[in-house]
Structure formats: structure tokens, C-alpha cells
PDB file of N, CA and C in Angstrom:
ATOM      1  N   UNK A   1      79.536 144.795  77.988  1.00  0.00           N
ATOM      2  CA  UNK A   1      80.442 143.807  77.174  1.00  0.00           C
ATOM      3  C   UNK A   1      81.723 144.035  77.156  1.00  0.00           C
ATOM      4  N   UNK A   2      82.701 142.763  77.662  1.00  0.00           N
ATOM      5  CA  UNK A   2      84.001 143.115  77.829  1.00  0.00           C
ATOM      6  C   UNK A   2      84.676 143.553  76.378  1.00  0.00           C
ATOM      7  N   UNK A   3      84.122 142.568  75.073  1.00  0.00           N
ATOM      8  CA  UNK A   3      84.739 142.779  74.166  1.00  0.00           C
ATOM      9  C   UNK A   3      84.961 144.025  73.708  1.00  0.00           C
ATOM     10  N   UNK A   4      83.971 144.832  73.814  1.00  0.00           N
ATOM     11  CA  UNK A   4      84.007 146.614  73.449  1.00  0.00           C
ATOM     12  C   UNK A   4      85.130 147.307  74.321  1.00  0.00           C
ATOM     13  N   UNK A   5      85.583 146.783  75.173  1.00  0.00           N
ATOM     14  CA  UNK A   5      86.412 148.081  75.942  1.00  0.00           C
ATOM     15  C   UNK A   5      87.779 147.800  75.033  1.00  0.00           C
ATOM     16  N   UNK A   6      88.271 149.322  75.513  1.00  0.00           N
ATOM     17  CA  UNK A   6      89.607 149.169  74.770  1.00  0.00           C
ATOM     18  C   UNK A   6      90.646 149.010  75.613  1.00  0.00           C
ATOM     19  N   UNK A   7      91.492 148.384  75.203  1.00  0.00           N
ATOM     20  CA  UNK A   7      92.669 147.399  75.680  1.00  0.00           C
ATOM     21  C   UNK A   7      93.926 149.009  76.467  1.00  0.00           C
ATOM     22  N   UNK A   8      93.980 149.958  75.501  1.00  0.00           N
ATOM     23  CA  UNK A   8      94.746 151.371  75.829  1.00  0.00           C
ATOM     24  C   UNK A   8      93.799 152.581  74.866  1.00  0.00           C
ATOM     25  N   UNK A   9      94.147 153.333  75.779  1.00  0.00           N
ATOM     26  CA  UNK A   9      93.388 154.752  74.648  1.00  0.00           C
ATOM     27  C   UNK A   9      94.738 156.217  74.981  1.00  0.00           C
ATOM     28  N   UNK A  10      94.502 156.884  73.916  1.00  0.00           N
ATOM     29  CA  UNK A  10      95.298 158.351  74.036  1.00  0.00           C
ATOM     30  C   UNK A  10      94.755 158.956  73.222  1.00  0.00           C
ATOM     31  N   UNK A  11      94.938 160.345  73.593  1.00  0.00           N
ATOM     32  CA  UNK A  11      94.201 161.503  72.862  1.00  0.00           C
ATOM     33  C   UNK A  11      95.051 162.712  72.604  1.00  0.00           C
ATOM     34  N   UNK A  12      95.153 163.026  71.149  1.00  0.00           N
ATOM     35  CA  UNK A  12      96.131 163.885  70.557  1.00  0.00           C
ATOM     36  C   UNK A  12      95.270 164.902  70.398  1.00  0.00           C
ATOM     37  N   UNK A  13      95.586 165.898  69.028  1.00  0.00           N
ATOM     38  CA  UNK A  13      94.867 166.955  68.990  1.00  0.00           C
ATOM     39  C   UNK A  13      93.687 166.404  68.028  1.00  0.00           C
ATOM     40  N   UNK A  14      92.641 166.638  68.828  1.00  0.00           N
ATOM     41  CA  UNK A  14      91.511 166.524  68.041  1.00  0.00           C
ATOM     42  C   UNK A  14      91.170 164.643  67.576  1.00  0.00           C
ATOM     43  N   UNK A  15      91.956 164.169  67.884  1.00  0.00           N
ATOM     44  CA  UNK A  15      91.661 162.731  67.830  1.00  0.00           C
ATOM     45  C   UNK A  15      92.116 162.242  69.403  1.00  0.00           C
ATOM     46  N   UNK A  16      91.181 160.780  69.320  1.00  0.00           N
ATOM     47  CA  UNK A  16      91.419 159.848  70.300  1.00  0.00           C
ATOM     48  C   UNK A  16      91.705 158.288  69.585  1.00  0.00           C
ATOM     49  N   UNK A  17      92.549 157.781  70.176  1.00  0.00           N
ATOM     50  CA  UNK A  17      93.174 156.443  69.644  1.00  0.00           C
ATOM     51  C   UNK A  17      93.250 155.370  70.893  1.00  0.00           C
ATOM     52  N   UNK A  18      91.805 154.388  70.542  1.00  0.00           N
ATOM     53  CA  UNK A  18      91.335 153.339  71.085  1.00  0.00           C
ATOM     54  C   UNK A  18      92.280 151.918  70.503  1.00  0.00           C
ATOM     55  N   UNK A  19      92.891 151.319  71.264  1.00  0.00           N
ATOM     56  CA  UNK A  19      93.337 149.576  70.856  1.00  0.00           C
ATOM     57  C   UNK A  19      92.426 148.893  71.439  1.00  0.00           C
ATOM     58  N   UNK A  20      91.384 147.967  70.537  1.00  0.00           N
ATOM     59  CA  UNK A  20      91.184 146.940  71.112  1.00  0.00           C
ATOM     60  C   UNK A  20      91.726 145.720  70.648  1.00  0.00           C
ATOM     61  N   UNK A  21      91.235 144.326  70.588  1.00  0.00           N
ATOM     62  CA  UNK A  21      92.368 143.415  70.722  1.00  0.00           C
ATOM     63  C   UNK A  21      92.227 143.021  69.237  1.00  0.00           C
ATOM     64  N   UNK A  22      91.248 143.285  68.220  1.00  0.00           N
ATOM     65  CA  UNK A  22      91.299 143.000  66.876  1.00  0.00           C
ATOM     66  C   UNK A  22      91.760 144.392  65.977  1.00  0.00           C
ATOM     67  N   UNK A  23      91.660 145.502  66.401  1.00  0.00           N
ATOM     68  CA  UNK A  23      92.055 146.930  65.717  1.00  0.00           C
ATOM     69  C   UNK A  23      92.299 148.287  66.488  1.00  0.00           C
ATOM     70  N   UNK A  24      92.385 148.766  65.666  1.00  0.00           N
ATOM     71  CA  UNK A  24      92.779 150.336  66.053  1.00  0.00           C
ATOM     72  C   UNK A  24      91.913 151.331  65.728  1.00  0.00           C
ATOM     73  N   UNK A  25      91.569 151.948  66.219  1.00  0.00           N
ATOM     74  CA  UNK A  25      90.421 153.191  66.299  1.00  0.00           C
ATOM     75  C   UNK A  25      91.250 154.012  66.315  1.00  0.00           C
ATOM     76  N   UNK A  26      90.982 155.330  64.992  1.00  0.00           N
ATOM     77  CA  UNK A  26      91.101 156.738  65.515  1.00  0.00           C
ATOM     78  C   UNK A  26      89.980 157.339  65.292  1.00  0.00           C
ATOM     79  N   UNK A  27      89.474 158.119  66.527  1.00  0.00           N
ATOM     80  CA  UNK A  27      87.958 158.403  66.213  1.00  0.00           C
ATOM     81  C   UNK A  27      88.374 159.842  66.642  1.00  0.00           C
ATOM     82  N   UNK A  28      87.959 160.832  65.279  1.00  0.00           N
ATOM     83  CA  UNK A  28      87.755 162.573  65.149  1.00  0.00           C
ATOM     84  C   UNK A  28      86.428 163.154  64.881  1.00  0.00           C
ATOM     85  N   UNK A  29      86.461 164.359  65.048  1.00  0.00           N
ATOM     86  CA  UNK A  29      85.424 165.023  64.761  1.00  0.00           C
ATOM     87  C   UNK A  29      84.108 165.552  66.044  1.00  0.00           C
ATOM     88  N   UNK A  30      83.629 166.615  65.814  1.00  0.00           N
ATOM     89  CA  UNK A  30      83.075 167.282  66.904  1.00  0.00           C
ATOM     90  C   UNK A  30      82.524 166.041  68.426  1.00  0.00           C
ATOM     91  N   UNK A  31      81.698 165.218  67.642  1.00  0.00           N
ATOM     92  CA  UNK A  31      81.036 164.277  68.640  1.00  0.00           C
ATOM     93  C   UNK A  31      81.509 162.641  68.113  1.00  0.00           C
ATOM     94  N   UNK A  32      82.568 162.430  67.976  1.00  0.00           N
ATOM     95  CA  UNK A  32      83.323 161.458  67.023  1.00  0.00           C
ATOM     96  C   UNK A  32      82.892 161.021  66.364  1.00  0.00           C
ATOM     97  N   UNK A  33      82.242 161.568  65.205  1.00  0.00           N
ATOM     98  CA  UNK A  33      81.673 160.613  63.968  1.00  0.00           C
ATOM     99  C   UNK A  33      82.449 160.724  62.803  1.00  0.00           C
ATOM    100  N   UNK A  34      83.533 160.778  62.876  1.00  0.00           N
ATOM    101  CA  UNK A  34      84.747 159.810  62.301  1.00  0.00           C
ATOM    102  C   UNK A  34      85.420 159.032  62.776  1.00  0.00           C
ATOM    103  N   UNK A  35      85.184 157.844  62.461  1.00  0.00           N
ATOM    104  CA  UNK A  35      85.891 156.804  63.081  1.00  0.00           C
ATOM    105  C   UNK A  35      86.874 156.306  61.940  1.00  0.00           C
ATOM    106  N   UNK A  36      88.397 156.036  61.938  1.00  0.00           N
ATOM    107  CA  UNK A  36      89.007 155.090  60.896  1.00  0.00           C
ATOM    108  C   UNK A  36      89.292 154.256  61.909  1.00  0.00           C
ATOM    109  N   UNK A  37      88.736 153.012  61.197  1.00  0.00           N
ATOM    110  CA  UNK A  37      89.123 151.440  61.996  1.00  0.00           C
ATOM    111  C   UNK A  37      90.209 150.903  61.229  1.00  0.00           C
ATOM    112  N   UNK A  38      91.475 150.274  61.945  1.00  0.00           N
ATOM    113  CA  UNK A  38      92.488 149.832  61.306  1.00  0.00           C
ATOM    114  C   UNK A  38      92.435 148.537  61.633  1.00  0.00           C
ATOM    115  N   UNK A  39      92.363 147.210  61.273  1.00  0.00           N
ATOM    116  CA  UNK A  39      92.735 146.285  61.807  1.00  0.00           C
ATOM    117  C   UNK A  39      94.320 145.477  61.893  1.00  0.00           C
ATOM    118  N   UNK A  40      94.515 144.867  62.719  1.00  0.00           N
ATOM    119  CA  UNK A  40      96.100 144.973  63.810  1.00  0.00           C
ATOM    120  C   UNK A  40      96.859 144.107  62.336  1.00  0.00           C
ATOM    121  N   UNK A  41      96.175 143.577  61.629  1.00  0.00           N
ATOM    122  CA  UNK A  41      97.095 142.852  60.327  1.00  0.00           C
ATOM    123  C   UNK A  41      97.759 143.846  59.522  1.00  0.00           C
ATOM    124  N   UNK A  42      96.986 144.973  59.621  1.00  0.00           N
ATOM    125  CA  UNK A  42      97.193 145.983  58.346  1.00  0.00           C
ATOM    126  C   UNK A  42      97.961 146.964  59.131  1.00  0.00           C
ATOM    127  N   UNK A  43      98.518 146.829  60.385  1.00  0.00           N
ATOM    128  CA  UNK A  43      99.174 148.075  60.907  1.00  0.00           C
ATOM    129  C   UNK A  43     101.060 147.236  60.849  1.00  0.00           C
ATOM    130  N   UNK A  44     101.634 147.864  60.193  1.00  0.00           N
ATOM    131  CA  UNK A  44     102.923 147.847  60.024  1.00  0.00           C
ATOM    132  C   UNK A  44     104.121 148.110  61.118  1.00  0.00           C
ATOM    133  N   UNK A  45     103.725 149.337  61.430  1.00  0.00           N
ATOM    134  CA  UNK A  45     104.653 149.764  62.352  1.00  0.00           C
ATOM    135  C   UNK A  45     103.783 150.904  63.385  1.00  0.00           C
ATOM    136  N   UNK A  46     104.520 151.053  64.682  1.00  0.00           N
ATOM    137  CA  UNK A  46     103.702 151.943  65.991  1.00  0.00           C
ATOM    138  C   UNK A  46     104.881 152.688  65.939  1.00  0.00           C
ATOM    139  N   UNK A  47     105.162 154.004  65.875  1.00  0.00           N
ATOM    140  CA  UNK A  47     106.421 154.961  66.878  1.00  0.00           C
ATOM    141  C   UNK A  47     105.978 155.921  67.402  1.00  0.00           C
ATOM    142  N   UNK A  48     106.787 156.458  68.720  1.00  0.00           N
ATOM    143  CA  UNK A  48     106.350 157.328  69.113  1.00  0.00           C
ATOM    144  C   UNK A  48     107.647 158.419  68.687  1.00  0.00           C
ATOM    145  N   UNK A  49     107.467 160.044  68.881  1.00  0.00           N
ATOM    146  CA  UNK A  49     108.591 161.041  68.367  1.00  0.00           C
ATOM    147  C   UNK A  49     108.239 162.018  69.322  1.00  0.00           C
ATOM    148  N   UNK A  50     109.136 162.298  69.545  1.00  0.00           N
ATOM    149  CA  UNK A  50     109.057 163.473  70.603  1.00  0.00           C
ATOM    150  C   UNK A  50     108.857 163.211  71.857  1.00  0.00           C
ATOM    151  N   UNK A  51     108.925 164.239  72.846  1.00  0.00           N
ATOM    152  CA  UNK A  51     108.792 163.929  74.382  1.00  0.00           C
ATOM    153  C   UNK A  51     107.534 164.407  74.885  1.00  0.00           C
ATOM    154  N   UNK A  52     107.742 165.961  74.759  1.00  0.00           N
ATOM    155  CA  UNK A  52     106.593 167.053  75.228  1.00  0.00           C
ATOM    156  C   UNK A  52     105.192 166.891  74.763  1.00  0.00           C
ATOM    157  N   UNK A  53     105.270 167.058  73.754  1.00  0.00           N
ATOM    158  CA  UNK A  53     104.139 166.968  72.531  1.00  0.00           C
ATOM    159  C   UNK A  53     104.867 165.655  71.851  1.00  0.00           C
ATOM    160  N   UNK A  54     103.678 164.644  72.150  1.00  0.00           N
ATOM    161  CA  UNK A  54     105.071 163.279  71.624  1.00  0.00           C
ATOM    162  C   UNK A  54     103.799 163.144  70.355  1.00  0.00           C
ATOM    163  N   UNK A  55     103.852 162.962  69.251  1.00  0.00           N
ATOM    164  CA  UNK A  55     103.539 162.257  68.136  1.00  0.00           C
ATOM    165  C   UNK A  55     103.655 160.316  67.972  1.00  0.00           C
ATOM    166  N   UNK A  56     102.137 159.912  67.929  1.00  0.00           N
ATOM    167  CA  UNK A  56     102.153 158.954  67.442  1.00  0.00           C
ATOM    168  C   UNK A  56     102.095 158.844  66.275  1.00  0.00           C
ATOM    169  N   UNK A  57     103.017 157.577  65.534  1.00  0.00           N
ATOM    170  CA  UNK A  57     102.569 157.520  64.045  1.00  0.00           C
ATOM    171  C   UNK A  57     102.239 156.041  63.623  1.00  0.00           C
ATOM    172  N   UNK A  58     101.146 156.055  63.183  1.00  0.00           N
ATOM    173  CA  UNK A  58     100.668 154.355  62.908  1.00  0.00           C
ATOM    174  C   UNK A  58     100.861 154.657  61.198  1.00  0.00           C
ATOM    175  N   UNK A  59     101.669 153.309  61.098  1.00  0.00           N
ATOM    176  CA  UNK A  59     101.963 153.018  59.069  1.00  0.00           C
ATOM    177  C   UNK A  59     101.168 151.653  59.293  1.00  0.00           C
ATOM    178  N   UNK A  60     100.443 151.712  57.780  1.00  0.00           N
ATOM    179  CA  UNK A  60     100.110 150.407  57.608  1.00  0.00           C
ATOM    180  C   UNK A  60     100.757 149.748  56.161  1.00  0.00           C
ATOM    181  N   UNK A  61     100.032 148.373  55.694  1.00  0.00           N
ATOM    182  CA  UNK A  61     100.910 148.082  54.872  1.00  0.00           C
ATOM    183  C   UNK A  61     100.207 148.648  53.664  1.00  0.00           C
ATOM    184  N   UNK A  62      99.065 149.409  53.304  1.00  0.00           N
ATOM    185  CA  UNK A  62      98.828 149.886  52.277  1.00  0.00           C
ATOM    186  C   UNK A  62      99.478 151.244  51.749  1.00  0.00           C
ATOM    187  N   UNK A  63     100.426 151.592  52.892  1.00  0.00           N
ATOM    188  CA  UNK A  63     101.454 152.751  52.886  1.00  0.00           C
ATOM    189  C   UNK A  63     100.568 154.063  53.213  1.00  0.00           C
ATOM    190  N   UNK A  64      99.380 154.081  54.034  1.00  0.00           N
ATOM    191  CA  UNK A  64      98.930 154.977  54.918  1.00  0.00           C
ATOM    192  C   UNK A  64      99.696 155.130  55.679  1.00  0.00           C
ATOM    193  N   UNK A  65      99.620 156.206  56.485  1.00  0.00           N
ATOM    194  CA  UNK A  65     100.695 156.931  57.526  1.00  0.00           C
ATOM    195  C   UNK A  65      99.672 157.810  58.495  1.00  0.00           C
ATOM    196  N   UNK A  66      99.600 157.706  59.578  1.00  0.00           N
ATOM    197  CA  UNK A  66      98.262 158.092  60.347  1.00  0.00           C
ATOM    198  C   UNK A  66      99.122 158.920  61.879  1.00  0.00           C
ATOM    199  N   UNK A  67      99.372 160.052  61.844  1.00  0.00           N
ATOM    200  CA  UNK A  67     100.125 160.787  62.571  1.00  0.00           C
ATOM    201  C   UNK A  67      99.158 161.666  63.726  1.00  0.00           C
ATOM    202  N   UNK A  68      98.977 160.871  65.200  1.00  0.00           N
ATOM    203  CA  UNK A  68      98.359 161.849  65.955  1.00  0.00           C
ATOM    204  C   UNK A  68      99.451 162.681  67.145  1.00  0.00           C
ATOM    205  N   UNK A  69      98.955 163.608  66.648  1.00  0.00           N
ATOM    206  CA  UNK A  69      99.462 164.935  67.233  1.00  0.00           C
ATOM    207  C   UNK A  69      99.783 165.400  68.684  1.00  0.00           C
ATOM    208  N   UNK A  70     100.632 165.589  69.383  1.00  0.00           N
ATOM    209  CA  UNK A  70     100.475 166.825  70.502  1.00  0.00           C
ATOM    210  C   UNK A  70      99.569 165.613  71.906  1.00  0.00           C
ATOM    211  N   UNK A  71     100.634 164.040  71.501  1.00  0.00           N
ATOM    212  CA  UNK A  71      99.589 163.443  72.559  1.00  0.00           C
ATOM    213  C   UNK A  71     100.352 163.377  74.178  1.00  0.00           C
ATOM    214  N   UNK A  72      99.971 163.056  75.054  1.00  0.00           N
ATOM    215  CA  UNK A  72     101.293 163.465  75.919  1.00  0.00           C
ATOM    216  C   UNK A  72     101.874 161.695  76.065  1.00  0.00           C
ATOM    217  N   UNK A  73     103.089 161.896  76.205  1.00  0.00           N
ATOM    218  CA  UNK A  73     104.232 160.780  76.223  1.00  0.00           C
ATOM    219  C   UNK A  73     103.691 159.571  76.581  1.00  0.00           C
ATOM    220  N   UNK A  74     103.320 159.152  78.180  1.00  0.00           N
ATOM    221  CA  UNK A  74     102.605 157.946  78.766  1.00  0.00           C
ATOM    222  C   UNK A  74     101.515 157.638  77.900  1.00  0.00           C
ATOM    223  N   UNK A  75     100.729 158.006  77.261  1.00  0.00           N
ATOM    224  CA  UNK A  75      99.605 158.045  76.263  1.00  0.00           C
ATOM    225  C   UNK A  75      99.975 157.172  75.595  1.00  0.00           C
ATOM    226  N   UNK A  76     100.917 157.938  74.529  1.00  0.00           N
ATOM    227  CA  UNK A  76     101.683 157.314  73.348  1.00  0.00           C
ATOM    228  C   UNK A  76     102.354 156.030  73.544  1.00  0.00           C
ATOM    229  N   UNK A  77     102.937 156.077  74.586  1.00  0.00           N
ATOM    230  CA  UNK A  77     103.921 154.761  74.743  1.00  0.00           C
ATOM    231  C   UNK A  77     102.815 153.565  75.042  1.00  0.00           C
ATOM    232  N   UNK A  78     101.842 154.012  75.977  1.00  0.00           N
ATOM    233  CA  UNK A  78     100.763 153.134  76.302  1.00  0.00           C
ATOM    234  C   UNK A  78     100.180 152.029  75.110  1.00  0.00           C
ATOM    235  N   UNK A  79      99.604 153.209  73.922  1.00  0.00           N
ATOM    236  CA  UNK A  79      98.927 153.044  72.806  1.00  0.00           C
ATOM    237  C   UNK A  79     100.054 151.966  71.974  1.00  0.00           C
ATOM    238  N   UNK A  80     101.714 152.625  71.950  1.00  0.00           N
ATOM    239  CA  UNK A  80     102.153 151.654  70.984  1.00  0.00           C
ATOM    240  C   UNK A  80     102.342 150.623  71.817  1.00  0.00           C
ATOM    241  N   UNK A  81     102.793 150.552  72.584  1.00  0.00           N
ATOM    242  CA  UNK A  81     103.050 148.595  73.601  1.00  0.00           C
ATOM    243  C   UNK A  81     101.698 148.073  73.326  1.00  0.00           C
ATOM    244  N   UNK A  82     100.573 148.990  73.343  1.00  0.00           N
ATOM    245  CA  UNK A  82      99.153 148.018  73.271  1.00  0.00           C
ATOM    246  C   UNK A  82      99.380 147.216  72.160  1.00  0.00           C
ATOM    247  N   UNK A  83      99.870 148.046  70.986  1.00  0.00           N
ATOM    248  CA  UNK A  83      99.436 147.497  69.563  1.00  0.00           C
ATOM    249  C   UNK A  83     100.536 146.523  69.423  1.00  0.00           C
ATOM    250  N   UNK A  84     101.766 146.619  69.522  1.00  0.00           N
ATOM    251  CA  UNK A  84     102.818 145.627  69.629  1.00  0.00           C
ATOM    252  C   UNK A  84     102.290 144.495  70.305  1.00  0.00           C
ATOM    253  N   UNK A  85     101.869 144.141  71.973  1.00  0.00           N
ATOM    254  CA  UNK A  85     101.475 143.325  72.349  1.00  0.00           C
ATOM    255  C   UNK A  85     100.591 142.476  71.844  1.00  0.00           C
ATOM    256  N   UNK A  86      99.418 143.408  71.302  1.00  0.00           N
ATOM    257  CA  UNK A  86      98.358 142.512  70.446  1.00  0.00           C
ATOM    258  C   UNK A  86      99.102 141.848  69.087  1.00  0.00           C
ATOM    259  N   UNK A  87      99.784 142.714  68.453  1.00  0.00           N
ATOM    260  CA  UNK A  87     100.700 141.786  67.591  1.00  0.00           C
ATOM    261  C   UNK A  87     101.378 140.578  67.591  1.00  0.00           C
ATOM    262  N   UNK A  88     101.804 140.751  68.746  1.00  0.00           N
ATOM    263  CA  UNK A  88     102.712 139.281  69.299  1.00  0.00           C
ATOM    264  C   UNK A  88     101.594 138.163  69.663  1.00  0.00           C
ATOM    265  N   UNK A  89     100.431 138.554  70.624  1.00  0.00           N
ATOM    266  CA  UNK A  89      99.872 138.002  70.905  1.00  0.00           C
ATOM    267  C   UNK A  89      99.217 136.883  69.707  1.00  0.00           C
ATOM    268  N   UNK A  90      99.107 137.594  68.683  1.00  0.00           N
ATOM    269  CA  UNK A  90      98.172 137.508  67.501  1.00  0.00           C
ATOM    270  C   UNK A  90      99.066 136.635  66.526  1.00  0.00           C
ATOM    271  N   UNK A  91     100.516 136.469  66.979  1.00  0.00           N
ATOM    272  CA  UNK A  91     101.710 135.983  65.949  1.00  0.00           C
ATOM    273  C   UNK A  91     101.597 136.779  64.875  1.00  0.00           C
ATOM    274  N   UNK A  92     101.054 138.311  64.401  1.00  0.00           N
ATOM    275  CA  UNK A  92     101.614 138.991  63.205  1.00  0.00           C
ATOM    276  C   UNK A  92     103.010 139.877  63.211  1.00  0.00           C
ATOM    277  N   UNK A  93     103.469 139.755  64.403  1.00  0.00           N
ATOM    278  CA  UNK A  93     105.025 140.686  64.375  1.00  0.00           C
ATOM    279  C   UNK A  93     105.930 139.171  63.393  1.00  0.00           C
ATOM    280  N   UNK A  94     106.510 139.477  62.674  1.00  0.00           N
ATOM    281  CA  UNK A  94     107.358 138.348  61.807  1.00  0.00           C
ATOM    282  C   UNK A  94     108.665 138.120  63.093  1.00  0.00           C
TER     283      UNK A  94
END
């Protein structure tokens, strides 16, 4: 199934971020049992902070802020760009 393949993926400290065409998933836990799915409509901003151990910050319109720490910079940039690209494609950016 093509629809189940993530467009971008990155890993931080105990968290894997998957970007799909309609949502962003943060998977954590010993066997990936904790999944937080956020629809692209809910994502307000995605930013990258730091260079060596980058932090990806995803902010939602309900005030949540999810920090994925200690990511490789290319992974963090790839996830951020995929989120922005999908939001532009869907016409969700102002």
C-alpha cells in the first residue's frame, strides 16, 4: 500500500517522527506502542533548533508543543520540509 509509506521520517531520543500525506505521527515506547497522530490541519508551525543535536519543534493550533530532541540535522530538516510541503499542497498555509 503506497498510502501507508511515510513521506519523511526522522528519529530523536526515543521518538520516531513519520510524515504522511495527511498527518504527522510521533511514535515512542519500547515497541512503538505510543502513537500521537496530529493532522496537518492542526500543525501551526514546525521549526528546527540547533545544529549537532537538533530539536524539531512541532506546534499545534490547540497549544500543544512537541519537542523531538537529539535528531540528526538532515533528518530534522527533511521532516520540517515535508510538513511544509504537504501543508502547501493541501492549501493549509496562509
